[in-house]
Amino acid sequence: MNLGMAGYNAATSANIPEQEGEGDVEGTILISGQVDQSVSDNKELRLDIELTDYRDVLVDEAPTDGDDEGDDDEEDEEIDLEGEVFLDLRIEGDIEEVDGTDGELRRVPGTTHITGTAESRYGVFDVDLPI
């Protein structure tokens, strides 16, 4: 989200300049896309995200045989998806103007909610993350 907001603030047209970052553990993230630069209170970012060997959180075990069935008690366990992963996500949250700037915007921490799906060779997983 921070890279998307940086792209929004750097945009001089509807297209945002590419923004690149590194995963906390390894890999890179590249953000591009379009922004809504209207004067309305409701803004939209349409972001394209490319992850290369990207990892933020290490997970001890990932399914290796394609069998993602397990105990119901493990429902909230994170799964480390390896290989190609298709993410279909909607990210919603509040933004605010940064004091002392000429219209620079930032996200309001604690108001972001990510929903959608993550699909890999292991199956399709629902995503529902309030952050």
N, C-alpha and C. Protein backbone atom coordinates (compact mmCIF):
# COMPACT_ATOMS: atom_id res chain seq x y z
N MET A 1 0.82 -1.19 0.00
CA MET A 1 0.00 0.00 0.00
C MET A 1 0.87 1.25 0.00
N ASN A 2 1.95 1.22 0.76
CA ASN A 2 2.80 2.41 0.82
C ASN A 2 3.40 2.74 -0.55
N LEU A 3 3.79 1.70 -1.32
CA LEU A 3 4.33 1.95 -2.66
C LEU A 3 3.24 2.50 -3.58
N GLY A 4 2.01 2.00 -3.45
CA GLY A 4 0.90 2.53 -4.24
C GLY A 4 0.64 3.98 -3.94
N MET A 5 0.68 4.35 -2.65
CA MET A 5 0.49 5.75 -2.26
C MET A 5 1.65 6.62 -2.76
N ALA A 6 2.87 6.08 -2.72
CA ALA A 6 4.02 6.83 -3.25
C ALA A 6 3.83 7.09 -4.75
N GLY A 7 3.34 6.08 -5.47
CA GLY A 7 3.06 6.25 -6.90
C GLY A 7 1.98 7.28 -7.14
N TYR A 8 0.93 7.26 -6.31
CA TYR A 8 -0.14 8.24 -6.42
C TYR A 8 0.42 9.65 -6.25
N ASN A 9 1.24 9.84 -5.23
CA ASN A 9 1.79 11.17 -4.95
C ASN A 9 2.78 11.63 -6.01
N ALA A 10 3.42 10.68 -6.71
CA ALA A 10 4.41 11.04 -7.74
C ALA A 10 3.78 11.20 -9.12
N ALA A 11 2.52 10.81 -9.27
CA ALA A 11 1.89 10.81 -10.60
C ALA A 11 1.67 12.24 -11.11
N THR A 12 1.96 12.43 -12.40
CA THR A 12 1.65 13.70 -13.07
C THR A 12 0.57 13.50 -14.11
N SER A 13 0.11 12.25 -14.26
CA SER A 13 -0.99 11.90 -15.16
C SER A 13 -1.75 10.75 -14.50
N ALA A 14 -2.63 10.12 -15.25
CA ALA A 14 -3.39 9.00 -14.70
C ALA A 14 -2.51 7.79 -14.42
N ASN A 15 -1.35 7.69 -15.08
CA ASN A 15 -0.44 6.57 -14.87
C ASN A 15 0.55 6.90 -13.77
N ILE A 16 0.72 5.98 -12.84
CA ILE A 16 1.70 6.22 -11.78
C ILE A 16 3.07 5.70 -12.22
N PRO A 17 4.13 6.39 -11.83
CA PRO A 17 5.47 5.87 -12.14
C PRO A 17 5.73 4.60 -11.33
N GLU A 18 6.47 3.67 -11.90
CA GLU A 18 6.76 2.42 -11.20
C GLU A 18 7.43 2.69 -9.86
N GLN A 19 7.01 1.93 -8.87
CA GLN A 19 7.58 2.00 -7.53
C GLN A 19 8.09 0.61 -7.18
N GLU A 20 9.31 0.52 -6.66
CA GLU A 20 9.90 -0.79 -6.36
C GLU A 20 10.32 -0.85 -4.90
N GLY A 21 10.18 -2.03 -4.32
CA GLY A 21 10.59 -2.25 -2.94
C GLY A 21 11.10 -3.67 -2.77
N GLU A 22 11.55 -3.97 -1.57
CA GLU A 22 12.08 -5.30 -1.25
C GLU A 22 11.23 -5.95 -0.18
N GLY A 23 11.12 -7.28 -0.26
CA GLY A 23 10.43 -8.04 0.78
C GLY A 23 11.24 -8.00 2.07
N ASP A 24 10.57 -8.16 3.19
CA ASP A 24 11.28 -8.16 4.48
C ASP A 24 12.30 -9.30 4.55
N VAL A 25 12.01 -10.43 3.89
CA VAL A 25 12.91 -11.57 3.92
C VAL A 25 13.73 -11.63 2.64
N GLU A 26 13.07 -11.53 1.47
CA GLU A 26 13.78 -11.58 0.19
C GLU A 26 12.86 -11.13 -0.93
N GLY A 27 13.42 -10.94 -2.10
CA GLY A 27 12.64 -10.65 -3.30
C GLY A 27 12.30 -9.18 -3.47
N THR A 28 11.59 -8.93 -4.57
CA THR A 28 11.21 -7.56 -4.90
C THR A 28 9.73 -7.48 -5.22
N ILE A 29 9.19 -6.27 -5.08
CA ILE A 29 7.82 -5.94 -5.44
C ILE A 29 7.87 -4.72 -6.34
N LEU A 30 7.15 -4.78 -7.45
CA LEU A 30 7.09 -3.68 -8.41
C LEU A 30 5.63 -3.28 -8.58
N ILE A 31 5.33 -2.01 -8.34
CA ILE A 31 3.98 -1.49 -8.42
C ILE A 31 3.88 -0.54 -9.60
N SER A 32 2.83 -0.69 -10.41
CA SER A 32 2.49 0.26 -11.46
C SER A 32 0.97 0.34 -11.50
N GLY A 33 0.42 1.18 -12.35
CA GLY A 33 -1.03 1.26 -12.45
C GLY A 33 -1.52 2.65 -12.76
N GLN A 34 -2.78 2.89 -12.43
CA GLN A 34 -3.42 4.17 -12.70
C GLN A 34 -4.04 4.72 -11.42
N VAL A 35 -4.23 6.05 -11.43
CA VAL A 35 -4.82 6.72 -10.27
C VAL A 35 -5.98 7.60 -10.73
N ASP A 36 -6.87 7.85 -9.81
CA ASP A 36 -7.96 8.80 -10.01
C ASP A 36 -7.48 10.12 -9.44
N GLN A 37 -7.27 11.13 -10.30
CA GLN A 37 -6.77 12.41 -9.83
C GLN A 37 -7.86 13.47 -9.76
N SER A 38 -9.10 13.04 -9.66
CA SER A 38 -10.19 14.01 -9.57
C SER A 38 -10.15 14.70 -8.20
N VAL A 39 -10.97 15.71 -8.05
CA VAL A 39 -11.01 16.46 -6.79
C VAL A 39 -12.02 15.88 -5.80
N SER A 40 -12.61 14.74 -6.12
CA SER A 40 -13.61 14.13 -5.23
C SER A 40 -12.94 13.57 -3.98
N ASP A 41 -13.76 13.33 -2.96
CA ASP A 41 -13.26 12.73 -1.72
C ASP A 41 -12.99 11.24 -1.87
N ASN A 42 -13.54 10.62 -2.90
CA ASN A 42 -13.40 9.19 -3.12
C ASN A 42 -12.36 8.95 -4.20
N LYS A 43 -11.19 8.39 -3.85
CA LYS A 43 -10.09 8.16 -4.79
C LYS A 43 -9.98 6.68 -5.09
N GLU A 44 -9.45 6.36 -6.26
CA GLU A 44 -9.25 4.99 -6.65
C GLU A 44 -7.84 4.79 -7.17
N LEU A 45 -7.20 3.70 -6.74
CA LEU A 45 -5.92 3.26 -7.28
C LEU A 45 -6.17 1.91 -7.93
N ARG A 46 -5.77 1.75 -9.16
CA ARG A 46 -5.81 0.45 -9.82
C ARG A 46 -4.36 0.03 -9.99
N LEU A 47 -3.93 -0.86 -9.13
CA LEU A 47 -2.51 -1.21 -9.06
C LEU A 47 -2.24 -2.56 -9.70
N ASP A 48 -1.15 -2.62 -10.46
CA ASP A 48 -0.60 -3.88 -10.95
C ASP A 48 0.62 -4.17 -10.10
N ILE A 49 0.67 -5.37 -9.55
CA ILE A 49 1.74 -5.72 -8.62
C ILE A 49 2.48 -6.93 -9.16
N GLU A 50 3.79 -6.81 -9.29
CA GLU A 50 4.63 -7.92 -9.73
C GLU A 50 5.57 -8.28 -8.60
N LEU A 51 5.48 -9.53 -8.15
CA LEU A 51 6.33 -10.03 -7.07
C LEU A 51 7.34 -10.99 -7.68
N THR A 52 8.61 -10.82 -7.35
CA THR A 52 9.66 -11.72 -7.82
C THR A 52 10.40 -12.28 -6.63
N ASP A 53 10.26 -13.60 -6.41
CA ASP A 53 10.88 -14.28 -5.27
C ASP A 53 10.60 -13.53 -3.97
N TYR A 54 9.41 -12.99 -3.85
CA TYR A 54 9.03 -12.11 -2.75
C TYR A 54 8.61 -12.91 -1.52
N ARG A 55 9.11 -12.50 -0.38
CA ARG A 55 8.72 -13.15 0.87
C ARG A 55 8.83 -12.14 2.01
N ASP A 56 7.75 -11.99 2.74
CA ASP A 56 7.73 -11.12 3.92
C ASP A 56 7.72 -11.93 5.21
N VAL A 57 7.07 -13.09 5.18
CA VAL A 57 6.92 -13.89 6.40
C VAL A 57 7.37 -15.30 6.10
N LEU A 58 8.21 -15.84 6.95
CA LEU A 58 8.60 -17.24 6.82
C LEU A 58 7.56 -18.11 7.49
N VAL A 59 7.15 -19.17 6.81
CA VAL A 59 6.22 -20.14 7.36
C VAL A 59 6.95 -21.47 7.42
N ASP A 60 6.84 -22.16 8.56
CA ASP A 60 7.59 -23.40 8.76
C ASP A 60 7.28 -24.48 7.75
N GLU A 61 5.99 -24.70 7.46
CA GLU A 61 5.63 -25.79 6.57
C GLU A 61 4.68 -25.31 5.49
N ALA A 62 4.91 -25.78 4.27
CA ALA A 62 3.99 -25.53 3.16
C ALA A 62 3.53 -26.88 2.64
N PRO A 63 2.32 -26.98 2.12
CA PRO A 63 1.89 -28.25 1.54
C PRO A 63 2.78 -28.60 0.36
N THR A 64 3.15 -29.86 0.24
CA THR A 64 4.05 -30.26 -0.84
C THR A 64 3.39 -31.20 -1.83
N ASP A 65 2.24 -31.78 -1.46
CA ASP A 65 1.62 -32.75 -2.35
C ASP A 65 0.31 -32.25 -2.95
N GLY A 66 0.02 -30.97 -2.80
CA GLY A 66 -1.22 -30.42 -3.32
C GLY A 66 -2.41 -30.66 -2.44
N ASP A 67 -2.23 -31.39 -1.35
CA ASP A 67 -3.33 -31.68 -0.41
C ASP A 67 -3.35 -30.61 0.65
N ASP A 68 -4.31 -29.68 0.54
CA ASP A 68 -4.38 -28.59 1.51
C ASP A 68 -5.43 -28.87 2.57
N GLU A 69 -5.89 -30.12 2.65
CA GLU A 69 -6.86 -30.47 3.69
C GLU A 69 -6.12 -30.72 4.99
N GLY A 70 -6.72 -30.31 6.07
CA GLY A 70 -6.10 -30.50 7.38
C GLY A 70 -7.14 -30.41 8.45
N ASP A 71 -6.70 -30.37 9.68
CA ASP A 71 -7.62 -30.25 10.80
C ASP A 71 -8.33 -28.92 10.74
N ASP A 72 -9.59 -28.90 11.18
CA ASP A 72 -10.32 -27.65 11.26
C ASP A 72 -9.64 -26.68 12.22
N ASP A 73 -8.90 -27.22 13.19
CA ASP A 73 -8.19 -26.37 14.16
C ASP A 73 -7.10 -25.56 13.50
N GLU A 74 -6.65 -25.99 12.32
CA GLU A 74 -5.55 -25.31 11.63
C GLU A 74 -6.08 -24.33 10.59
N GLU A 75 -7.36 -23.99 10.66
CA GLU A 75 -7.98 -23.15 9.64
C GLU A 75 -7.29 -21.80 9.49
N ASP A 76 -6.80 -21.22 10.57
CA ASP A 76 -6.18 -19.90 10.53
C ASP A 76 -4.69 -19.96 10.23
N GLU A 77 -4.13 -21.16 10.02
CA GLU A 77 -2.70 -21.30 9.77
C GLU A 77 -2.34 -20.70 8.43
N GLU A 78 -1.24 -19.97 8.37
CA GLU A 78 -0.78 -19.41 7.10
C GLU A 78 -0.16 -20.48 6.25
N ILE A 79 -0.29 -20.34 4.94
CA ILE A 79 0.31 -21.29 4.01
C ILE A 79 1.27 -20.52 3.12
N ASP A 80 2.47 -21.05 2.97
CA ASP A 80 3.50 -20.45 2.14
C ASP A 80 3.28 -20.94 0.72
N LEU A 81 2.75 -20.09 -0.15
CA LEU A 81 2.50 -20.47 -1.53
C LEU A 81 3.76 -20.26 -2.35
N GLU A 82 4.22 -21.33 -2.99
CA GLU A 82 5.43 -21.26 -3.79
C GLU A 82 5.09 -21.34 -5.26
N GLY A 83 5.97 -20.83 -6.09
CA GLY A 83 5.75 -20.86 -7.53
C GLY A 83 4.87 -19.70 -7.95
N GLU A 84 4.16 -19.89 -9.05
CA GLU A 84 3.30 -18.84 -9.57
C GLU A 84 2.03 -18.74 -8.74
N VAL A 85 1.70 -17.53 -8.32
CA VAL A 85 0.50 -17.28 -7.52
C VAL A 85 -0.26 -16.13 -8.18
N PHE A 86 -1.56 -16.35 -8.39
CA PHE A 86 -2.42 -15.31 -8.95
C PHE A 86 -3.23 -14.71 -7.81
N LEU A 87 -3.09 -13.41 -7.60
CA LEU A 87 -3.81 -12.71 -6.55
C LEU A 87 -4.91 -11.86 -7.17
N ASP A 88 -6.12 -12.01 -6.67
CA ASP A 88 -7.25 -11.18 -7.10
C ASP A 88 -7.75 -10.50 -5.82
N LEU A 89 -7.25 -9.30 -5.56
CA LEU A 89 -7.48 -8.64 -4.28
C LEU A 89 -8.16 -7.29 -4.44
N ARG A 90 -8.95 -6.95 -3.47
CA ARG A 90 -9.54 -5.61 -3.36
C ARG A 90 -9.03 -5.04 -2.05
N ILE A 91 -8.44 -3.86 -2.12
CA ILE A 91 -7.88 -3.19 -0.94
C ILE A 91 -8.66 -1.91 -0.72
N GLU A 92 -9.30 -1.81 0.42
CA GLU A 92 -10.08 -0.63 0.75
C GLU A 92 -9.57 -0.02 2.05
N GLY A 93 -9.61 1.30 2.13
CA GLY A 93 -9.20 1.97 3.35
C GLY A 93 -9.30 3.47 3.20
N ASP A 94 -9.07 4.15 4.29
CA ASP A 94 -9.15 5.60 4.31
C ASP A 94 -7.79 6.21 3.98
N ILE A 95 -7.83 7.40 3.35
CA ILE A 95 -6.62 8.17 3.09
C ILE A 95 -6.81 9.55 3.69
N GLU A 96 -5.68 10.21 3.90
CA GLU A 96 -5.73 11.57 4.44
C GLU A 96 -4.60 12.38 3.84
N GLU A 97 -4.77 13.69 3.85
CA GLU A 97 -3.72 14.57 3.36
C GLU A 97 -2.66 14.72 4.44
N VAL A 98 -1.39 14.69 4.02
CA VAL A 98 -0.28 14.86 4.94
C VAL A 98 -0.16 16.34 5.27
N ASP A 99 -0.19 16.67 6.57
CA ASP A 99 -0.07 18.07 6.99
C ASP A 99 1.21 18.69 6.46
N GLY A 100 1.10 19.93 6.01
CA GLY A 100 2.27 20.68 5.56
C GLY A 100 2.72 20.34 4.16
N THR A 101 1.91 19.59 3.40
CA THR A 101 2.29 19.25 2.02
C THR A 101 1.28 19.88 1.07
N ASP A 102 1.61 19.82 -0.19
CA ASP A 102 0.72 20.36 -1.22
C ASP A 102 -0.15 19.24 -1.79
N GLY A 103 -0.98 18.66 -0.94
CA GLY A 103 -1.92 17.63 -1.39
C GLY A 103 -1.39 16.21 -1.35
N GLU A 104 -0.23 15.96 -0.75
CA GLU A 104 0.28 14.59 -0.66
C GLU A 104 -0.65 13.77 0.23
N LEU A 105 -0.95 12.56 -0.22
CA LEU A 105 -1.86 11.69 0.52
C LEU A 105 -1.13 10.51 1.11
N ARG A 106 -1.69 9.96 2.20
CA ARG A 106 -1.18 8.73 2.79
C ARG A 106 -2.37 7.93 3.30
N ARG A 107 -2.16 6.63 3.51
CA ARG A 107 -3.24 5.81 4.04
C ARG A 107 -3.35 6.03 5.53
N VAL A 108 -4.53 5.88 6.06
CA VAL A 108 -4.76 6.00 7.50
C VAL A 108 -4.53 4.62 8.11
N PRO A 109 -3.49 4.45 8.93
CA PRO A 109 -3.21 3.14 9.52
C PRO A 109 -4.42 2.60 10.28
N GLY A 110 -4.62 1.28 10.16
CA GLY A 110 -5.70 0.63 10.87
C GLY A 110 -7.04 0.65 10.15
N THR A 111 -7.12 1.28 8.97
CA THR A 111 -8.40 1.36 8.26
C THR A 111 -8.41 0.50 6.99
N THR A 112 -7.33 -0.19 6.69
CA THR A 112 -7.22 -0.94 5.45
C THR A 112 -7.77 -2.35 5.62
N HIS A 113 -8.50 -2.81 4.61
CA HIS A 113 -9.06 -4.16 4.61
C HIS A 113 -8.82 -4.77 3.24
N ILE A 114 -8.16 -5.93 3.22
CA ILE A 114 -7.82 -6.62 1.98
C ILE A 114 -8.68 -7.88 1.89
N THR A 115 -9.42 -8.03 0.78
CA THR A 115 -10.23 -9.22 0.55
C THR A 115 -9.99 -9.73 -0.85
N GLY A 116 -10.27 -10.99 -1.08
CA GLY A 116 -10.14 -11.57 -2.41
C GLY A 116 -9.67 -13.00 -2.32
N THR A 117 -8.88 -13.42 -3.34
CA THR A 117 -8.39 -14.79 -3.38
C THR A 117 -6.92 -14.83 -3.79
N ALA A 118 -6.26 -15.89 -3.37
CA ALA A 118 -4.90 -16.23 -3.79
C ALA A 118 -4.98 -17.63 -4.39
N GLU A 119 -4.55 -17.78 -5.65
CA GLU A 119 -4.66 -19.07 -6.33
C GLU A 119 -3.27 -19.55 -6.74
N SER A 120 -2.97 -20.79 -6.40
CA SER A 120 -1.71 -21.40 -6.78
C SER A 120 -1.95 -22.87 -7.07
N ARG A 121 -0.89 -23.60 -7.28
CA ARG A 121 -1.04 -25.05 -7.52
C ARG A 121 -1.62 -25.77 -6.31
N TYR A 122 -1.62 -25.11 -5.15
CA TYR A 122 -2.15 -25.70 -3.93
C TYR A 122 -3.66 -25.51 -3.80
N GLY A 123 -4.24 -24.68 -4.65
CA GLY A 123 -5.68 -24.42 -4.60
C GLY A 123 -5.98 -22.94 -4.57
N VAL A 124 -7.23 -22.62 -4.28
CA VAL A 124 -7.68 -21.24 -4.18
C VAL A 124 -7.98 -20.95 -2.71
N PHE A 125 -7.41 -19.88 -2.19
CA PHE A 125 -7.55 -19.53 -0.78
C PHE A 125 -8.18 -18.15 -0.66
N ASP A 126 -9.15 -18.03 0.24
CA ASP A 126 -9.79 -16.75 0.51
C ASP A 126 -8.83 -15.87 1.30
N VAL A 127 -8.83 -14.59 0.99
CA VAL A 127 -8.03 -13.60 1.70
C VAL A 127 -9.00 -12.63 2.38
N ASP A 128 -8.82 -12.41 3.67
CA ASP A 128 -9.62 -11.46 4.43
C ASP A 128 -8.75 -10.91 5.55
N LEU A 129 -8.07 -9.82 5.26
CA LEU A 129 -7.09 -9.26 6.19
C LEU A 129 -7.40 -7.82 6.56
N PRO A 130 -7.82 -7.56 7.79
CA PRO A 130 -7.90 -6.17 8.23
C PRO A 130 -6.50 -5.76 8.71
N ILE A 131 -5.99 -4.64 8.20
CA ILE A 131 -4.67 -4.17 8.65
C ILE A 131 -4.71 -2.69 8.98
